[in-house]
N, C-alpha and C. Protein backbone atom coordinates (compact mmCIF):
# COMPACT_ATOMS: atom_id res chain seq x y z
N MET A 1 0.10 -6.57 2.47
CA MET A 1 0.41 -5.89 1.23
C MET A 1 1.85 -5.42 1.26
N ASN A 2 2.71 -6.14 0.67
CA ASN A 2 4.12 -5.77 0.63
C ASN A 2 4.54 -5.31 -0.76
N SER A 3 3.58 -4.90 -1.55
CA SER A 3 3.88 -4.41 -2.88
C SER A 3 4.64 -3.09 -2.79
N PRO A 4 5.57 -2.85 -3.70
CA PRO A 4 6.27 -1.56 -3.67
C PRO A 4 5.32 -0.38 -3.88
N ARG A 5 4.15 -0.64 -4.46
CA ARG A 5 3.20 0.45 -4.69
C ARG A 5 2.36 0.77 -3.46
N THR A 6 2.46 -0.04 -2.42
CA THR A 6 1.70 0.22 -1.20
C THR A 6 2.63 0.55 -0.03
N THR A 7 3.83 0.96 -0.33
CA THR A 7 4.82 1.30 0.69
C THR A 7 4.96 2.81 0.79
N LEU A 8 5.20 3.29 1.99
CA LEU A 8 5.43 4.72 2.20
C LEU A 8 6.88 5.04 1.82
N TYR A 9 7.03 6.05 0.96
CA TYR A 9 8.36 6.49 0.51
C TYR A 9 8.53 7.97 0.78
N ARG A 10 9.79 8.42 0.77
CA ARG A 10 10.07 9.85 0.70
C ARG A 10 9.94 10.25 -0.76
N ASP A 11 9.26 11.33 -1.02
CA ASP A 11 9.09 11.80 -2.40
C ASP A 11 10.03 12.98 -2.63
N LYS A 12 11.23 12.68 -3.11
CA LYS A 12 12.24 13.72 -3.29
C LYS A 12 11.94 14.64 -4.47
N GLN A 13 11.10 14.20 -5.40
CA GLN A 13 10.78 15.04 -6.56
C GLN A 13 9.94 16.25 -6.16
N ASN A 14 9.07 16.08 -5.15
CA ASN A 14 8.21 17.17 -4.71
C ASN A 14 8.60 17.68 -3.32
N ALA A 15 9.83 17.41 -2.92
CA ALA A 15 10.26 17.70 -1.56
C ALA A 15 10.62 19.16 -1.36
N LYS A 16 10.45 19.61 -0.12
CA LYS A 16 10.97 20.92 0.28
C LYS A 16 12.22 20.73 1.14
N LEU A 17 12.19 19.70 2.00
CA LEU A 17 13.36 19.43 2.84
C LEU A 17 13.85 17.99 2.61
N LEU A 18 13.22 17.03 3.22
CA LEU A 18 13.63 15.63 3.04
C LEU A 18 12.62 14.81 2.21
N GLY A 19 11.44 15.35 2.01
CA GLY A 19 10.44 14.64 1.22
C GLY A 19 9.48 13.79 2.03
N VAL A 20 9.50 13.93 3.35
CA VAL A 20 8.62 13.11 4.19
C VAL A 20 7.17 13.55 4.01
N CYS A 21 6.89 14.84 4.09
CA CYS A 21 5.51 15.33 3.94
C CYS A 21 4.97 15.03 2.54
N SER A 22 5.80 15.21 1.52
CA SER A 22 5.32 14.90 0.17
C SER A 22 5.13 13.41 -0.01
N GLY A 23 5.92 12.59 0.68
CA GLY A 23 5.72 11.15 0.65
C GLY A 23 4.42 10.74 1.33
N ILE A 24 4.12 11.37 2.46
CA ILE A 24 2.85 11.11 3.15
C ILE A 24 1.69 11.55 2.27
N ALA A 25 1.82 12.68 1.62
CA ALA A 25 0.77 13.17 0.73
C ALA A 25 0.55 12.22 -0.44
N ASP A 26 1.63 11.71 -1.01
CA ASP A 26 1.51 10.75 -2.10
C ASP A 26 0.87 9.45 -1.62
N TYR A 27 1.23 9.03 -0.44
CA TYR A 27 0.71 7.78 0.12
C TYR A 27 -0.78 7.86 0.41
N THR A 28 -1.22 9.00 0.94
CA THR A 28 -2.62 9.14 1.35
C THR A 28 -3.52 9.74 0.27
N GLY A 29 -2.94 10.45 -0.67
CA GLY A 29 -3.76 11.09 -1.70
C GLY A 29 -4.21 12.48 -1.31
N VAL A 30 -3.73 12.98 -0.19
CA VAL A 30 -4.06 14.32 0.27
C VAL A 30 -3.10 15.30 -0.38
N ASN A 31 -3.57 16.50 -0.64
CA ASN A 31 -2.72 17.53 -1.23
C ASN A 31 -1.53 17.80 -0.31
N VAL A 32 -0.34 17.89 -0.87
CA VAL A 32 0.88 18.06 -0.09
C VAL A 32 0.86 19.36 0.71
N MET A 33 0.19 20.38 0.22
CA MET A 33 0.11 21.64 0.96
C MET A 33 -0.59 21.42 2.30
N TRP A 34 -1.65 20.62 2.32
CA TRP A 34 -2.39 20.37 3.56
C TRP A 34 -1.57 19.52 4.53
N VAL A 35 -0.82 18.59 4.02
CA VAL A 35 0.04 17.77 4.89
C VAL A 35 1.11 18.64 5.53
N ARG A 36 1.73 19.51 4.74
CA ARG A 36 2.76 20.40 5.29
C ARG A 36 2.18 21.37 6.30
N LEU A 37 1.01 21.91 5.98
CA LEU A 37 0.35 22.84 6.91
C LEU A 37 0.00 22.15 8.21
N ALA A 38 -0.54 20.94 8.15
CA ALA A 38 -0.87 20.19 9.35
C ALA A 38 0.39 19.88 10.16
N PHE A 39 1.46 19.53 9.49
CA PHE A 39 2.72 19.25 10.18
C PHE A 39 3.21 20.49 10.92
N ILE A 40 3.18 21.63 10.27
CA ILE A 40 3.66 22.87 10.90
C ILE A 40 2.77 23.25 12.08
N LEU A 41 1.45 23.13 11.90
CA LEU A 41 0.54 23.47 13.00
C LEU A 41 0.74 22.53 14.19
N LEU A 42 0.88 21.24 13.93
CA LEU A 42 1.12 20.29 15.02
C LEU A 42 2.47 20.53 15.66
N LEU A 43 3.45 20.88 14.87
CA LEU A 43 4.79 21.15 15.39
C LEU A 43 4.77 22.34 16.35
N ILE A 44 4.06 23.38 15.97
CA ILE A 44 4.01 24.60 16.78
C ILE A 44 3.16 24.41 18.02
N THR A 45 2.01 23.78 17.87
CA THR A 45 1.04 23.75 18.97
C THR A 45 1.15 22.54 19.88
N VAL A 46 1.12 21.37 19.33
CA VAL A 46 0.92 20.18 20.14
C VAL A 46 2.19 19.39 20.39
N ALA A 47 2.88 19.05 19.36
CA ALA A 47 3.93 18.05 19.51
C ALA A 47 5.27 18.51 18.94
N PRO A 48 6.08 19.20 19.72
CA PRO A 48 7.41 19.57 19.24
C PRO A 48 8.29 18.35 18.97
N ILE A 49 7.89 17.17 19.44
CA ILE A 49 8.65 15.95 19.18
C ILE A 49 8.58 15.55 17.71
N LEU A 50 7.69 16.18 16.96
CA LEU A 50 7.55 15.86 15.54
C LEU A 50 8.81 16.19 14.74
N LEU A 51 9.53 17.19 15.13
CA LEU A 51 10.72 17.58 14.37
C LEU A 51 11.78 16.49 14.36
N PRO A 52 12.16 15.93 15.51
CA PRO A 52 13.10 14.80 15.44
C PRO A 52 12.49 13.60 14.72
N GLY A 53 11.19 13.39 14.89
CA GLY A 53 10.50 12.30 14.19
C GLY A 53 10.56 12.48 12.68
N TYR A 54 10.46 13.74 12.25
CA TYR A 54 10.54 14.04 10.82
C TYR A 54 11.91 13.64 10.27
N PHE A 55 12.96 14.01 10.99
CA PHE A 55 14.32 13.70 10.52
C PHE A 55 14.61 12.19 10.58
N VAL A 56 14.08 11.52 11.60
CA VAL A 56 14.24 10.06 11.68
C VAL A 56 13.53 9.40 10.50
N ALA A 57 12.30 9.86 10.22
CA ALA A 57 11.57 9.31 9.07
C ALA A 57 12.32 9.61 7.78
N GLY A 58 12.90 10.79 7.69
CA GLY A 58 13.69 11.15 6.51
C GLY A 58 14.90 10.24 6.31
N LEU A 59 15.46 9.77 7.41
CA LEU A 59 16.61 8.86 7.32
C LEU A 59 16.19 7.41 7.06
N LEU A 60 15.04 7.00 7.61
CA LEU A 60 14.64 5.60 7.53
C LEU A 60 13.85 5.25 6.26
N LEU A 61 13.07 6.19 5.77
CA LEU A 61 12.25 5.90 4.59
C LEU A 61 13.10 5.88 3.33
N ASN A 62 12.78 4.97 2.45
CA ASN A 62 13.46 4.90 1.15
C ASN A 62 12.93 5.98 0.21
N LYS A 63 13.76 6.36 -0.75
CA LYS A 63 13.31 7.29 -1.78
C LYS A 63 12.30 6.61 -2.68
N LYS A 64 11.33 7.38 -3.14
CA LYS A 64 10.33 6.85 -4.06
C LYS A 64 10.98 6.58 -5.41
N PRO A 65 10.85 5.35 -5.93
CA PRO A 65 11.42 5.06 -7.25
C PRO A 65 10.73 5.90 -8.33
N PRO A 66 11.48 6.43 -9.27
CA PRO A 66 10.86 7.29 -10.30
C PRO A 66 9.93 6.53 -11.24
N HIS A 67 10.10 5.24 -11.37
CA HIS A 67 9.28 4.45 -12.30
C HIS A 67 8.14 3.73 -11.60
N LEU A 68 7.78 4.15 -10.39
CA LEU A 68 6.79 3.43 -9.59
C LEU A 68 5.41 3.45 -10.23
N TYR A 69 4.98 4.58 -10.75
CA TYR A 69 3.67 4.71 -11.39
C TYR A 69 3.86 5.13 -12.84
N VAL A 70 2.99 4.62 -13.70
CA VAL A 70 3.08 4.94 -15.13
C VAL A 70 2.48 6.32 -15.38
N ASP A 71 1.30 6.57 -14.81
CA ASP A 71 0.63 7.85 -15.04
C ASP A 71 -0.17 8.24 -13.80
N GLN A 72 -0.86 9.37 -13.90
CA GLN A 72 -1.62 9.91 -12.77
C GLN A 72 -2.78 8.99 -12.41
N GLU A 73 -3.38 8.33 -13.39
CA GLU A 73 -4.49 7.42 -13.12
C GLU A 73 -4.04 6.24 -12.25
N GLU A 74 -2.87 5.70 -12.55
CA GLU A 74 -2.34 4.60 -11.74
C GLU A 74 -2.00 5.07 -10.33
N THR A 75 -1.51 6.29 -10.20
CA THR A 75 -1.22 6.86 -8.89
C THR A 75 -2.48 6.91 -8.05
N LYS A 76 -3.56 7.43 -8.63
CA LYS A 76 -4.84 7.52 -7.92
C LYS A 76 -5.37 6.15 -7.55
N TYR A 77 -5.21 5.18 -8.45
CA TYR A 77 -5.68 3.82 -8.17
C TYR A 77 -4.98 3.26 -6.94
N TRP A 78 -3.66 3.37 -6.86
CA TRP A 78 -2.93 2.80 -5.73
C TRP A 78 -3.20 3.57 -4.45
N GLN A 79 -3.50 4.86 -4.55
CA GLN A 79 -3.89 5.60 -3.35
C GLN A 79 -5.22 5.07 -2.82
N ARG A 80 -6.16 4.76 -3.73
CA ARG A 80 -7.44 4.17 -3.31
C ARG A 80 -7.22 2.79 -2.70
N VAL A 81 -6.31 2.01 -3.25
CA VAL A 81 -6.01 0.68 -2.70
C VAL A 81 -5.48 0.82 -1.27
N ARG A 82 -4.57 1.77 -1.05
CA ARG A 82 -4.02 1.95 0.29
C ARG A 82 -5.07 2.43 1.26
N GLN A 83 -6.00 3.27 0.81
CA GLN A 83 -7.03 3.79 1.70
C GLN A 83 -8.05 2.73 2.08
N SER A 84 -8.49 1.93 1.10
CA SER A 84 -9.51 0.92 1.37
C SER A 84 -9.38 -0.24 0.39
N PRO A 85 -8.58 -1.24 0.74
CA PRO A 85 -8.39 -2.37 -0.17
C PRO A 85 -9.68 -3.13 -0.45
N LYS A 86 -10.54 -3.27 0.55
CA LYS A 86 -11.80 -4.00 0.36
C LYS A 86 -12.70 -3.29 -0.64
N ARG A 87 -12.79 -1.97 -0.53
CA ARG A 87 -13.62 -1.21 -1.46
C ARG A 87 -13.09 -1.33 -2.88
N THR A 88 -11.77 -1.26 -3.02
CA THR A 88 -11.16 -1.39 -4.34
C THR A 88 -11.44 -2.76 -4.92
N ALA A 89 -11.34 -3.81 -4.10
CA ALA A 89 -11.64 -5.17 -4.58
C ALA A 89 -13.09 -5.28 -5.01
N ARG A 90 -14.00 -4.66 -4.26
CA ARG A 90 -15.43 -4.66 -4.66
C ARG A 90 -15.63 -3.96 -5.99
N GLU A 91 -14.95 -2.83 -6.18
CA GLU A 91 -15.07 -2.10 -7.44
C GLU A 91 -14.57 -2.94 -8.61
N ILE A 92 -13.46 -3.62 -8.42
CA ILE A 92 -12.90 -4.45 -9.49
C ILE A 92 -13.83 -5.63 -9.79
N ARG A 93 -14.36 -6.28 -8.73
CA ARG A 93 -15.32 -7.38 -8.95
C ARG A 93 -16.54 -6.88 -9.71
N GLY A 94 -17.02 -5.70 -9.35
CA GLY A 94 -18.18 -5.13 -10.04
C GLY A 94 -17.88 -4.88 -11.52
N LYS A 95 -16.69 -4.39 -11.81
CA LYS A 95 -16.31 -4.15 -13.21
C LYS A 95 -16.24 -5.46 -13.98
N PHE A 96 -15.69 -6.50 -13.36
CA PHE A 96 -15.62 -7.81 -14.03
C PHE A 96 -17.01 -8.39 -14.24
N ARG A 97 -17.91 -8.21 -13.26
CA ARG A 97 -19.29 -8.69 -13.46
C ARG A 97 -19.95 -7.98 -14.64
N GLU A 98 -19.72 -6.68 -14.74
CA GLU A 98 -20.29 -5.92 -15.85
C GLU A 98 -19.72 -6.40 -17.19
N ILE A 99 -18.42 -6.64 -17.24
CA ILE A 99 -17.80 -7.15 -18.47
C ILE A 99 -18.35 -8.52 -18.81
N ASP A 100 -18.51 -9.37 -17.80
CA ASP A 100 -19.05 -10.71 -18.02
C ASP A 100 -20.49 -10.64 -18.55
N ARG A 101 -21.28 -9.73 -17.98
CA ARG A 101 -22.67 -9.57 -18.44
C ARG A 101 -22.71 -9.09 -19.89
N ARG A 102 -21.85 -8.12 -20.21
CA ARG A 102 -21.82 -7.61 -21.59
C ARG A 102 -21.35 -8.68 -22.57
N LEU A 103 -20.37 -9.48 -22.17
CA LEU A 103 -19.89 -10.57 -23.02
C LEU A 103 -20.98 -11.62 -23.24
N ALA A 104 -21.75 -11.91 -22.19
CA ALA A 104 -22.86 -12.86 -22.33
C ALA A 104 -23.92 -12.30 -23.28
N ASP A 105 -24.16 -10.99 -23.22
CA ASP A 105 -25.12 -10.37 -24.15
C ASP A 105 -24.63 -10.49 -25.59
N VAL A 106 -23.34 -10.24 -25.81
CA VAL A 106 -22.77 -10.36 -27.16
C VAL A 106 -22.87 -11.80 -27.64
N GLU A 107 -22.54 -12.74 -26.78
CA GLU A 107 -22.61 -14.15 -27.13
C GLU A 107 -24.05 -14.56 -27.47
N THR A 108 -24.99 -14.11 -26.67
CA THR A 108 -26.40 -14.42 -26.94
C THR A 108 -26.84 -13.83 -28.28
N TYR A 109 -26.42 -12.62 -28.56
CA TYR A 109 -26.79 -11.98 -29.82
C TYR A 109 -26.27 -12.78 -31.01
N TYR A 110 -24.98 -13.13 -30.96
CA TYR A 110 -24.40 -13.85 -32.10
C TYR A 110 -24.94 -15.27 -32.24
N VAL A 111 -25.22 -15.92 -31.14
CA VAL A 111 -25.73 -17.30 -31.21
C VAL A 111 -27.16 -17.31 -31.73
N THR A 112 -27.98 -16.37 -31.29
CA THR A 112 -29.38 -16.37 -31.73
C THR A 112 -29.52 -15.86 -33.15
N SER A 113 -28.60 -15.02 -33.60
CA SER A 113 -28.73 -14.49 -34.96
C SER A 113 -28.04 -15.39 -35.99
N ASN A 114 -27.34 -16.42 -35.55
CA ASN A 114 -26.63 -17.30 -36.46
C ASN A 114 -27.03 -18.75 -36.15
N PRO A 115 -28.03 -19.26 -36.86
CA PRO A 115 -28.52 -20.61 -36.54
C PRO A 115 -27.46 -21.69 -36.75
N ARG A 116 -26.59 -21.52 -37.72
CA ARG A 116 -25.55 -22.52 -37.96
C ARG A 116 -24.58 -22.59 -36.77
N LEU A 117 -24.19 -21.40 -36.24
CA LEU A 117 -23.33 -21.35 -35.07
C LEU A 117 -24.03 -21.97 -33.87
N SER A 118 -25.29 -21.67 -33.70
CA SER A 118 -26.07 -22.23 -32.61
C SER A 118 -26.12 -23.75 -32.69
N ALA A 119 -26.35 -24.29 -33.90
CA ALA A 119 -26.39 -25.74 -34.08
C ALA A 119 -25.03 -26.36 -33.79
N GLU A 120 -23.96 -25.71 -34.19
CA GLU A 120 -22.60 -26.21 -33.93
C GLU A 120 -22.31 -26.25 -32.43
N ILE A 121 -22.71 -25.20 -31.71
CA ILE A 121 -22.51 -25.17 -30.27
C ILE A 121 -23.30 -26.28 -29.59
N GLU A 122 -24.53 -26.49 -30.01
CA GLU A 122 -25.37 -27.56 -29.46
C GLU A 122 -24.75 -28.93 -29.76
N ARG A 123 -24.22 -29.11 -30.94
CA ARG A 123 -23.60 -30.37 -31.29
C ARG A 123 -22.37 -30.64 -30.42
N LEU A 124 -21.62 -29.62 -30.06
CA LEU A 124 -20.43 -29.78 -29.22
C LEU A 124 -20.78 -30.11 -27.77
N ARG A 125 -21.96 -29.76 -27.33
CA ARG A 125 -22.36 -30.04 -25.94
C ARG A 125 -22.65 -31.47 -25.84
């Protein structure tokens, strides 16, 4: 997946320092407050190496393009794709099956209620 919508970016619009935590929050769909809190707790307790890693990520990650998502619904969709692409593909297939079933029902209704249309379809077969 090399789509620009599935890439990790720095989110400078919601940034406090470099936008790395807000970028991770945008990428995963987790609230940015929890990402920042986890970063601070890990920084204090377990891994002081996170601070240089944060600045390196801030230098290496690209800024999030402002036109990347149209609305909040599209943002949530791409977060679900990043979390589980297989599940998202199953959901889309299920939606298409439902649309196909509904279209077949409409077609059946119109063909059975219109004998002339039914005869024309049979003649074309």
